[in-house]
Amino acid sequence: MNTKRLQKIVKGFSNHRRIQIMELLETYPDLSLSDIASRTKINLKTAGEHTRRLDASGLIEKNYRGRDVIHSLTILGKNILTFLRKLE
């Protein structure tokens, strides 16, 4: 695998809030940004930045439903969560 791509993936989840968001999306798929912000108790702008980074690294995907943007884990995101649990 390309080492620059690996670096981008690792940077994508190298924050406790981002891991928390990924775990949240595993439990509750298809959440809006406001749902993510309220369930993680962070402000909307912060949640937006975290989801932007997760999306850019391929760990979550955004789907548009009318005015809402729905977030869900990708296969890569699920695999990363499995990997992280093995490190515990």
PDB file of N, CA and C in Angstrom:
ATOM      1  N   MET A   1       0.840  -1.180   0.000  1.00  0.00           N
ATOM      2  CA  MET A   1       0.000   0.000   0.000  1.00  0.00           C
ATOM      3  C   MET A   1       0.890   1.250   0.000  1.00  0.00           C
ATOM      4  N   ASN A   2       0.428   2.282  -0.603  1.00  0.00           N
ATOM      5  CA  ASN A   2       1.124   3.549  -0.689  1.00  0.00           C
ATOM      6  C   ASN A   2       1.284   4.165   0.705  1.00  0.00           C
ATOM      7  N   THR A   3       2.502   4.520   1.087  1.00  0.00           N
ATOM      8  CA  THR A   3       2.749   5.041   2.435  1.00  0.00           C
ATOM      9  C   THR A   3       2.107   6.402   2.658  1.00  0.00           C
ATOM     10  N   LYS A   4       1.997   7.215   1.627  1.00  0.00           N
ATOM     11  CA  LYS A   4       1.312   8.517   1.786  1.00  0.00           C
ATOM     12  C   LYS A   4      -0.174   8.306   2.048  1.00  0.00           C
ATOM     13  N   ARG A   5      -0.766   7.326   1.404  1.00  0.00           N
ATOM     14  CA  ARG A   5      -2.181   7.001   1.644  1.00  0.00           C
ATOM     15  C   ARG A   5      -2.359   6.494   3.076  1.00  0.00           C
ATOM     16  N   LEU A   6      -1.444   5.648   3.537  1.00  0.00           N
ATOM     17  CA  LEU A   6      -1.501   5.162   4.918  1.00  0.00           C
ATOM     18  C   LEU A   6      -1.407   6.318   5.910  1.00  0.00           C
ATOM     19  N   GLN A   7      -0.523   7.260   5.631  1.00  0.00           N
ATOM     20  CA  GLN A   7      -0.372   8.420   6.501  1.00  0.00           C
ATOM     21  C   GLN A   7      -1.679   9.210   6.579  1.00  0.00           C
ATOM     22  N   LYS A   8      -2.337   9.395   5.443  1.00  0.00           N
ATOM     23  CA  LYS A   8      -3.600  10.127   5.402  1.00  0.00           C
ATOM     24  C   LYS A   8      -4.673   9.406   6.223  1.00  0.00           C
ATOM     25  N   ILE A   9      -4.716   8.095   6.129  1.00  0.00           N
ATOM     26  CA  ILE A   9      -5.685   7.311   6.900  1.00  0.00           C
ATOM     27  C   ILE A   9      -5.412   7.444   8.386  1.00  0.00           C
ATOM     28  N   VAL A  10      -4.141   7.284   8.781  1.00  0.00           N
ATOM     29  CA  VAL A  10      -3.783   7.362  10.202  1.00  0.00           C
ATOM     30  C   VAL A  10      -4.085   8.749  10.759  1.00  0.00           C
ATOM     31  N   LYS A  11      -3.758   9.786  10.013  1.00  0.00           N
ATOM     32  CA  LYS A  11      -4.069  11.144  10.467  1.00  0.00           C
ATOM     33  C   LYS A  11      -5.575  11.347  10.578  1.00  0.00           C
ATOM     34  N   GLY A  12      -6.322  10.649   9.747  1.00  0.00           N
ATOM     35  CA  GLY A  12      -7.777  10.770   9.769  1.00  0.00           C
ATOM     36  C   GLY A  12      -8.400  10.311  11.069  1.00  0.00           C
ATOM     37  N   PHE A  13      -7.845   9.312  11.707  1.00  0.00           N
ATOM     38  CA  PHE A  13      -8.433   8.809  12.955  1.00  0.00           C
ATOM     39  C   PHE A  13      -7.572   9.105  14.177  1.00  0.00           C
ATOM     40  N   SER A  14      -6.534   9.898  14.029  1.00  0.00           N
ATOM     41  CA  SER A  14      -5.620  10.138  15.152  1.00  0.00           C
ATOM     42  C   SER A  14      -6.094  11.266  16.068  1.00  0.00           C
ATOM     43  N   ASN A  15      -7.324  11.154  16.512  1.00  0.00           N
ATOM     44  CA  ASN A  15      -7.914  12.106  17.442  1.00  0.00           C
ATOM     45  C   ASN A  15      -9.015  11.379  18.202  1.00  0.00           C
ATOM     46  N   HIS A  16      -9.063  11.578  19.507  1.00  0.00           N
ATOM     47  CA  HIS A  16     -10.048  10.832  20.301  1.00  0.00           C
ATOM     48  C   HIS A  16     -11.479  11.153  19.903  1.00  0.00           C
ATOM     49  N   ARG A  17     -11.760  12.384  19.491  1.00  0.00           N
ATOM     50  CA  ARG A  17     -13.116  12.734  19.061  1.00  0.00           C
ATOM     51  C   ARG A  17     -13.479  12.031  17.757  1.00  0.00           C
ATOM     52  N   ARG A  18     -12.527  11.911  16.869  1.00  0.00           N
ATOM     53  CA  ARG A  18     -12.812  11.240  15.596  1.00  0.00           C
ATOM     54  C   ARG A  18     -13.077   9.757  15.807  1.00  0.00           C
ATOM     55  N   ILE A  19     -12.326   9.155  16.705  1.00  0.00           N
ATOM     56  CA  ILE A  19     -12.582   7.750  17.031  1.00  0.00           C
ATOM     57  C   ILE A  19     -13.963   7.630  17.677  1.00  0.00           C
ATOM     58  N   GLN A  20     -14.294   8.569  18.547  1.00  0.00           N
ATOM     59  CA  GLN A  20     -15.613   8.572  19.178  1.00  0.00           C
ATOM     60  C   GLN A  20     -16.721   8.699  18.122  1.00  0.00           C
ATOM     61  N   ILE A  21     -16.522   9.562  17.140  1.00  0.00           N
ATOM     62  CA  ILE A  21     -17.510   9.726  16.062  1.00  0.00           C
ATOM     63  C   ILE A  21     -17.634   8.441  15.249  1.00  0.00           C
ATOM     64  N   MET A  22     -16.520   7.793  14.962  1.00  0.00           N
ATOM     65  CA  MET A  22     -16.567   6.536  14.221  1.00  0.00           C
ATOM     66  C   MET A  22     -17.326   5.473  15.002  1.00  0.00           C
ATOM     67  N   GLU A  23     -17.076   5.376  16.302  1.00  0.00           N
ATOM     68  CA  GLU A  23     -17.807   4.411  17.142  1.00  0.00           C
ATOM     69  C   GLU A  23     -19.294   4.745  17.179  1.00  0.00           C
ATOM     70  N   LEU A  24     -19.610   6.018  17.241  1.00  0.00           N
ATOM     71  CA  LEU A  24     -21.006   6.453  17.231  1.00  0.00           C
ATOM     72  C   LEU A  24     -21.694   6.036  15.938  1.00  0.00           C
ATOM     73  N   LEU A  25     -21.010   6.245  14.811  1.00  0.00           N
ATOM     74  CA  LEU A  25     -21.591   5.880  13.518  1.00  0.00           C
ATOM     75  C   LEU A  25     -21.698   4.370  13.333  1.00  0.00           C
ATOM     76  N   GLU A  26     -20.855   3.637  14.031  1.00  0.00           N
ATOM     77  CA  GLU A  26     -20.981   2.175  13.983  1.00  0.00           C
ATOM     78  C   GLU A  26     -22.258   1.743  14.691  1.00  0.00           C
ATOM     79  N   THR A  27     -22.547   2.377  15.809  1.00  0.00           N
ATOM     80  CA  THR A  27     -23.739   2.038  16.598  1.00  0.00           C
ATOM     81  C   THR A  27     -25.009   2.622  15.990  1.00  0.00           C
ATOM     82  N   TYR A  28     -24.917   3.861  15.534  1.00  0.00           N
ATOM     83  CA  TYR A  28     -26.058   4.585  14.961  1.00  0.00           C
ATOM     84  C   TYR A  28     -25.705   5.056  13.556  1.00  0.00           C
ATOM     85  N   PRO A  29     -25.861   4.199  12.568  1.00  0.00           N
ATOM     86  CA  PRO A  29     -25.520   4.605  11.197  1.00  0.00           C
ATOM     87  C   PRO A  29     -26.460   5.714  10.707  1.00  0.00           C
ATOM     88  N   ASP A  30     -25.985   6.474   9.768  1.00  0.00           N
ATOM     89  CA  ASP A  30     -26.789   7.497   9.095  1.00  0.00           C
ATOM     90  C   ASP A  30     -27.211   8.632  10.031  1.00  0.00           C
ATOM     91  N   LEU A  31     -26.227   9.295  10.648  1.00  0.00           N
ATOM     92  CA  LEU A  31     -26.508  10.439  11.506  1.00  0.00           C
ATOM     93  C   LEU A  31     -26.189  11.744  10.787  1.00  0.00           C
ATOM     94  N   SER A  32     -26.976  12.760  11.089  1.00  0.00           N
ATOM     95  CA  SER A  32     -26.689  14.095  10.568  1.00  0.00           C
ATOM     96  C   SER A  32     -25.583  14.727  11.408  1.00  0.00           C
ATOM     97  N   LEU A  33     -25.053  15.824  10.941  1.00  0.00           N
ATOM     98  CA  LEU A  33     -24.002  16.521  11.666  1.00  0.00           C
ATOM     99  C   LEU A  33     -24.509  17.009  13.024  1.00  0.00           C
ATOM    100  N   SER A  34     -25.729  17.514  13.051  1.00  0.00           N
ATOM    101  CA  SER A  34     -26.278  17.981  14.336  1.00  0.00           C
ATOM    102  C   SER A  34     -26.481  16.819  15.305  1.00  0.00           C
ATOM    103  N   ASP A  35     -26.856  15.646  14.801  1.00  0.00           N
ATOM    104  CA  ASP A  35     -26.970  14.456  15.656  1.00  0.00           C
ATOM    105  C   ASP A  35     -25.607  14.087  16.240  1.00  0.00           C
ATOM    106  N   ILE A  36     -24.583  14.117  15.399  1.00  0.00           N
ATOM    107  CA  ILE A  36     -23.226  13.785  15.848  1.00  0.00           C
ATOM    108  C   ILE A  36     -22.775  14.783  16.916  1.00  0.00           C
ATOM    109  N   ALA A  37     -22.992  16.064  16.662  1.00  0.00           N
ATOM    110  CA  ALA A  37     -22.578  17.098  17.611  1.00  0.00           C
ATOM    111  C   ALA A  37     -23.291  16.930  18.947  1.00  0.00           C
ATOM    112  N   SER A  38     -24.575  16.689  18.913  1.00  0.00           N
ATOM    113  CA  SER A  38     -25.316  16.582  20.177  1.00  0.00           C
ATOM    114  C   SER A  38     -24.968  15.305  20.936  1.00  0.00           C
ATOM    115  N   ARG A  39     -24.780  14.201  20.244  1.00  0.00           N
ATOM    116  CA  ARG A  39     -24.463  12.938  20.931  1.00  0.00           C
ATOM    117  C   ARG A  39     -23.036  12.907  21.482  1.00  0.00           C
ATOM    118  N   THR A  40     -22.132  13.663  20.863  1.00  0.00           N
ATOM    119  CA  THR A  40     -20.749  13.705  21.357  1.00  0.00           C
ATOM    120  C   THR A  40     -20.508  14.931  22.242  1.00  0.00           C
ATOM    121  N   LYS A  41     -21.526  15.790  22.352  1.00  0.00           N
ATOM    122  CA  LYS A  41     -21.456  16.995  23.189  1.00  0.00           C
ATOM    123  C   LYS A  41     -20.327  17.943  22.757  1.00  0.00           C
ATOM    124  N   ILE A  42     -20.226  18.136  21.433  1.00  0.00           N
ATOM    125  CA  ILE A  42     -19.288  19.115  20.885  1.00  0.00           C
ATOM    126  C   ILE A  42     -20.082  20.074  20.016  1.00  0.00           C
ATOM    127  N   ASN A  43     -19.504  21.241  19.737  1.00  0.00           N
ATOM    128  CA  ASN A  43     -20.261  22.198  18.933  1.00  0.00           C
ATOM    129  C   ASN A  43     -20.280  21.776  17.466  1.00  0.00           C
ATOM    130  N   LEU A  44     -21.206  22.344  16.740  1.00  0.00           N
ATOM    131  CA  LEU A  44     -21.453  21.956  15.353  1.00  0.00           C
ATOM    132  C   LEU A  44     -20.231  22.200  14.462  1.00  0.00           C
ATOM    133  N   LYS A  45     -19.550  23.314  14.664  1.00  0.00           N
ATOM    134  CA  LYS A  45     -18.375  23.627  13.840  1.00  0.00           C
ATOM    135  C   LYS A  45     -17.266  22.595  14.069  1.00  0.00           C
ATOM    136  N   THR A  46     -17.050  22.226  15.319  1.00  0.00           N
ATOM    137  CA  THR A  46     -16.031  21.221  15.632  1.00  0.00           C
ATOM    138  C   THR A  46     -16.404  19.870  15.029  1.00  0.00           C
ATOM    139  N   ALA A  47     -17.661  19.492  15.166  1.00  0.00           N
ATOM    140  CA  ALA A  47     -18.134  18.235  14.579  1.00  0.00           C
ATOM    141  C   ALA A  47     -17.945  18.245  13.068  1.00  0.00           C
ATOM    142  N   GLY A  48     -18.224  19.380  12.443  1.00  0.00           N
ATOM    143  CA  GLY A  48     -18.052  19.505  11.000  1.00  0.00           C
ATOM    144  C   GLY A  48     -16.607  19.323  10.566  1.00  0.00           C
ATOM    145  N   GLU A  49     -15.683  19.886  11.333  1.00  0.00           N
ATOM    146  CA  GLU A  49     -14.257  19.735  11.000  1.00  0.00           C
ATOM    147  C   GLU A  49     -13.809  18.285  11.165  1.00  0.00           C
ATOM    148  N   HIS A  50     -14.251  17.632  12.236  1.00  0.00           N
ATOM    149  CA  HIS A  50     -13.880  16.229  12.443  1.00  0.00           C
ATOM    150  C   HIS A  50     -14.454  15.337  11.340  1.00  0.00           C
ATOM    151  N   THR A  51     -15.710  15.549  10.977  1.00  0.00           N
ATOM    152  CA  THR A  51     -16.295  14.716   9.921  1.00  0.00           C
ATOM    153  C   THR A  51     -15.651  15.010   8.571  1.00  0.00           C
ATOM    154  N   ARG A  52     -15.237  16.255   8.352  1.00  0.00           N
ATOM    155  CA  ARG A  52     -14.549  16.587   7.101  1.00  0.00           C
ATOM    156  C   ARG A  52     -13.247  15.795   6.988  1.00  0.00           C
ATOM    157  N   ARG A  53     -12.501  15.728   8.091  1.00  0.00           N
ATOM    158  CA  ARG A  53     -11.233  14.988   8.077  1.00  0.00           C
ATOM    159  C   ARG A  53     -11.457  13.477   7.939  1.00  0.00           C
ATOM    160  N   LEU A  54     -12.480  12.972   8.599  1.00  0.00           N
ATOM    161  CA  LEU A  54     -12.793  11.546   8.471  1.00  0.00           C
ATOM    162  C   LEU A  54     -13.202  11.207   7.038  1.00  0.00           C
ATOM    163  N   ASP A  55     -13.971  12.085   6.428  1.00  0.00           N
ATOM    164  CA  ASP A  55     -14.401  11.880   5.048  1.00  0.00           C
ATOM    165  C   ASP A  55     -13.206  11.949   4.091  1.00  0.00           C
ATOM    166  N   ALA A  56     -12.333  12.924   4.286  1.00  0.00           N
ATOM    167  CA  ALA A  56     -11.158  13.088   3.416  1.00  0.00           C
ATOM    168  C   ALA A  56     -10.229  11.886   3.476  1.00  0.00           C
ATOM    169  N   SER A  57     -10.197  11.215   4.629  1.00  0.00           N
ATOM    170  CA  SER A  57      -9.325  10.044   4.761  1.00  0.00           C
ATOM    171  C   SER A  57     -10.032   8.744   4.369  1.00  0.00           C
ATOM    172  N   GLY A  58     -11.293   8.839   3.975  1.00  0.00           N
ATOM    173  CA  GLY A  58     -12.021   7.661   3.498  1.00  0.00           C
ATOM    174  C   GLY A  58     -12.618   6.794   4.596  1.00  0.00           C
ATOM    175  N   LEU A  59     -12.704   7.316   5.825  1.00  0.00           N
ATOM    176  CA  LEU A  59     -13.214   6.520   6.939  1.00  0.00           C
ATOM    177  C   LEU A  59     -14.723   6.638   7.110  1.00  0.00           C
ATOM    178  N   ILE A  60     -15.289   7.741   6.670  1.00  0.00           N
ATOM    179  CA  ILE A  60     -16.739   7.898   6.640  1.00  0.00           C
ATOM    180  C   ILE A  60     -17.115   8.445   5.275  1.00  0.00           C
ATOM    181  N   GLU A  61     -18.397   8.386   4.976  1.00  0.00           N
ATOM    182  CA  GLU A  61     -18.879   8.995   3.746  1.00  0.00           C
ATOM    183  C   GLU A  61     -20.081   9.856   4.072  1.00  0.00           C
ATOM    184  N   LYS A  62     -20.274  10.871   3.243  1.00  0.00           N
ATOM    185  CA  LYS A  62     -21.384  11.792   3.404  1.00  0.00           C
ATOM    186  C   LYS A  62     -22.359  11.579   2.259  1.00  0.00           C
ATOM    187  N   ASN A  63     -23.621  11.474   2.594  1.00  0.00           N
ATOM    188  CA  ASN A  63     -24.671  11.337   1.595  1.00  0.00           C
ATOM    189  C   ASN A  63     -25.689  12.441   1.827  1.00  0.00           C
ATOM    190  N   TYR A  64     -26.132  13.047   0.752  1.00  0.00           N
ATOM    191  CA  TYR A  64     -27.064  14.161   0.863  1.00  0.00           C
ATOM    192  C   TYR A  64     -28.497  13.657   0.723  1.00  0.00           C
ATOM    193  N   ARG A  65     -29.320  14.025   1.707  1.00  0.00           N
ATOM    194  CA  ARG A  65     -30.756  13.706   1.683  1.00  0.00           C
ATOM    195  C   ARG A  65     -31.511  15.007   1.890  1.00  0.00           C
ATOM    196  N   GLY A  66     -31.898  15.592   0.782  1.00  0.00           N
ATOM    197  CA  GLY A  66     -32.547  16.901   0.869  1.00  0.00           C
ATOM    198  C   GLY A  66     -31.557  17.918   1.408  1.00  0.00           C
ATOM    199  N   ARG A  67     -31.927  18.574   2.488  1.00  0.00           N
ATOM    200  CA  ARG A  67     -31.050  19.573   3.105  1.00  0.00           C
ATOM    201  C   ARG A  67     -30.076  18.955   4.093  1.00  0.00           C
ATOM    202  N   ASP A  68     -30.290  17.697   4.451  1.00  0.00           N
ATOM    203  CA  ASP A  68     -29.440  17.031   5.438  1.00  0.00           C
ATOM    204  C   ASP A  68     -28.261  16.323   4.781  1.00  0.00           C
ATOM    205  N   VAL A  69     -27.165  16.290   5.504  1.00  0.00           N
ATOM    206  CA  VAL A  69     -26.007  15.494   5.113  1.00  0.00           C
ATOM    207  C   VAL A  69     -25.926  14.362   6.129  1.00  0.00           C
ATOM    208  N   ILE A  70     -26.016  13.143   5.626  1.00  0.00           N
ATOM    209  CA  ILE A  70     -26.029  11.954   6.474  1.00  0.00           C
ATOM    210  C   ILE A  70     -24.649  11.310   6.414  1.00  0.00           C
ATOM    211  N   HIS A  71     -24.124  10.960   7.578  1.00  0.00           N
ATOM    212  CA  HIS A  71     -22.782  10.384   7.682  1.00  0.00           C
ATOM    213  C   HIS A  71     -22.869   8.902   8.026  1.00  0.00           C
ATOM    214  N   SER A  72     -22.001   8.119   7.419  1.00  0.00           N
ATOM    215  CA  SER A  72     -21.938   6.690   7.731  1.00  0.00           C
ATOM    216  C   SER A  72     -20.504   6.204   7.579  1.00  0.00           C
ATOM    217  N   LEU A  73     -20.202   5.118   8.266  1.00  0.00           N
ATOM    218  CA  LEU A  73     -18.866   4.512   8.193  1.00  0.00           C
ATOM    219  C   LEU A  73     -18.664   3.818   6.855  1.00  0.00           C
ATOM    220  N   THR A  74     -17.467   3.873   6.358  1.00  0.00           N
ATOM    221  CA  THR A  74     -17.107   3.089   5.177  1.00  0.00           C
ATOM    222  C   THR A  74     -16.570   1.731   5.661  1.00  0.00           C
ATOM    223  N   ILE A  75     -16.331   0.848   4.738  1.00  0.00           N
ATOM    224  CA  ILE A  75     -15.717  -0.442   5.079  1.00  0.00           C
ATOM    225  C   ILE A  75     -14.354  -0.203   5.731  1.00  0.00           C
ATOM    226  N   LEU A  76     -13.591   0.741   5.175  1.00  0.00           N
ATOM    227  CA  LEU A  76     -12.295   1.072   5.755  1.00  0.00           C
ATOM    228  C   LEU A  76     -12.466   1.560   7.194  1.00  0.00           C
ATOM    229  N   GLY A  77     -13.451   2.393   7.443  1.00  0.00           N
ATOM    230  CA  GLY A  77     -13.717   2.877   8.798  1.00  0.00           C
ATOM    231  C   GLY A  77     -14.026   1.740   9.754  1.00  0.00           C
ATOM    232  N   LYS A  78     -14.811   0.780   9.303  1.00  0.00           N
ATOM    233  CA  LYS A  78     -15.132  -0.388  10.136  1.00  0.00           C
ATOM    234  C   LYS A  78     -13.872  -1.211  10.417  1.00  0.00           C
ATOM    235  N   ASN A  79     -13.037  -1.371   9.396  1.00  0.00           N
ATOM    236  CA  ASN A  79     -11.790  -2.120   9.577  1.00  0.00           C
ATOM    237  C   ASN A  79     -10.845  -1.416  10.552  1.00  0.00           C
ATOM    238  N   ILE A  80     -10.803  -0.097  10.495  1.00  0.00           N
ATOM    239  CA  ILE A  80      -9.953   0.668  11.419  1.00  0.00           C
ATOM    240  C   ILE A  80     -10.446   0.494  12.848  1.00  0.00           C
ATOM    241  N   LEU A  81     -11.749   0.518  13.060  1.00  0.00           N
ATOM    242  CA  LEU A  81     -12.288   0.298  14.413  1.00  0.00           C
ATOM    243  C   LEU A  81     -11.911  -1.095  14.931  1.00  0.00           C
ATOM    244  N   THR A  82     -11.965  -2.095  14.081  1.00  0.00           N
ATOM    245  CA  THR A  82     -11.561  -3.442  14.453  1.00  0.00           C
ATOM    246  C   THR A  82     -10.082  -3.457  14.840  1.00  0.00           C
ATOM    247  N   PHE A  83      -9.257  -2.794  14.037  1.00  0.00           N
ATOM    248  CA  PHE A  83      -7.835  -2.672  14.317  1.00  0.00           C
ATOM    249  C   PHE A  83      -7.594  -1.978  15.660  1.00  0.00           C
ATOM    250  N   LEU A  84      -8.276  -0.877  15.895  1.00  0.00           N
ATOM    251  CA  LEU A  84      -8.089  -0.135  17.148  1.00  0.00           C
ATOM    252  C   LEU A  84      -8.482  -0.957  18.377  1.00  0.00           C
ATOM    253  N   ARG A  85      -9.521  -1.744  18.236  1.00  0.00           N
ATOM    254  CA  ARG A  85      -9.946  -2.595  19.364  1.00  0.00           C
ATOM    255  C   ARG A  85      -8.898  -3.663  19.694  1.00  0.00           C
ATOM    256  N   LYS A  86      -8.167  -4.098  18.691  1.00  0.00           N
ATOM    257  CA  LYS A  86      -7.092  -5.077  18.930  1.00  0.00           C
ATOM    258  C   LYS A  86      -5.937  -4.457  19.688  1.00  0.00           C
ATOM    259  N   LEU A  87      -5.786  -3.144  19.614  1.00  0.00           N
ATOM    260  CA  LEU A  87      -4.706  -2.451  20.316  1.00  0.00           C
ATOM    261  C   LEU A  87      -5.008  -2.250  21.807  1.00  0.00           C
ATOM    262  N   GLU A  88      -6.279  -2.359  22.170  1.00  0.00           N
ATOM    263  CA  GLU A  88      -6.659  -2.139  23.576  1.00  0.00           C
ATOM    264  C   GLU A  88      -6.101  -3.203  24.483  1.00  0.00           C
TER     265      GLU A  88
END
